Amino acid sequence: MDRSRPKPDLVIFDCDGVLVDSELLSCRCLSEVLAEFGLQLTVEQALELFLGRSTKAIEQHYRDLGQTLPDDFFPRLKARVLDTFAGALQPIPGVGAVLSESETPRCVASSSDLDRVSLSLDVTGLAPHFGDRLYTAQMVRHGKPAPDLFLHAAGKMQASPSRTLVIEDSVSGVQAAKAAGMMVWGFVGGGHYRDRDGRAILSAAGADRVFARMSEFWEA
């Protein structure tokens, strides 16, 4: 880390794509469940449209297209995602070591709902690093890219936004952190960036730094 800048008082981690390698899995689930209702959306399109966004963004997208998703769409999607995660979800390589070695206070702020975040951390063995310090888009009026969620998390953790570092993998997340007056590092080590120029994408969104391996976490 830049030695001229003191370490933050709080690190806020996004969950999907930062702590757990879930984005491709969840976008595949979305594509598959949409197809069951006769709606075509590729995994690549899902990543482009909804990476880092809540299910409200999915609903709004189709509403803007003049389509109303069936009442059982989101329950079916949630069940598919949770079942998939339970059997296949993996932590981001090296993130456990980062969490074990750092004494800086930390929490999670995610666009996913609380039971999905809890399951993700349980399945991957990361839950003990965060306890009940889990904050989700369900808890605020406006999700990312609005700053509400990060400001809510910092408030709960009694940290100043200007002394808070956010770790994000999405454009909407980077934008939300910057809008909250926080430093944000973009992480591009998830599987969903394997064929995309994540450095360019997150740098353009305003990330203060972009890195691809958790072993590089404090090396800037």
Foldseek 3Di string as FASTA:
>chain_A
DPPVDDAFLEEEEAPDPTFKQCLLVLLVLVQVLCVVVVDHDDSVRCCVQAPQAAVVSVQVVVVVVVDGDDPCSVVSSVVSSLVCLLPDMETQPPVVVVLVPDPRHYAYEGQYDDVSRVSNCVSHVNCVSHPPLYWYPVVDDDGFLAQTRVVVSCVVVVGQLCRYEYEEADLRVLNNSVNSNHAYEHEQQHPVCPPPDSVVRNVVSPHPYYDYHNVCVPVD
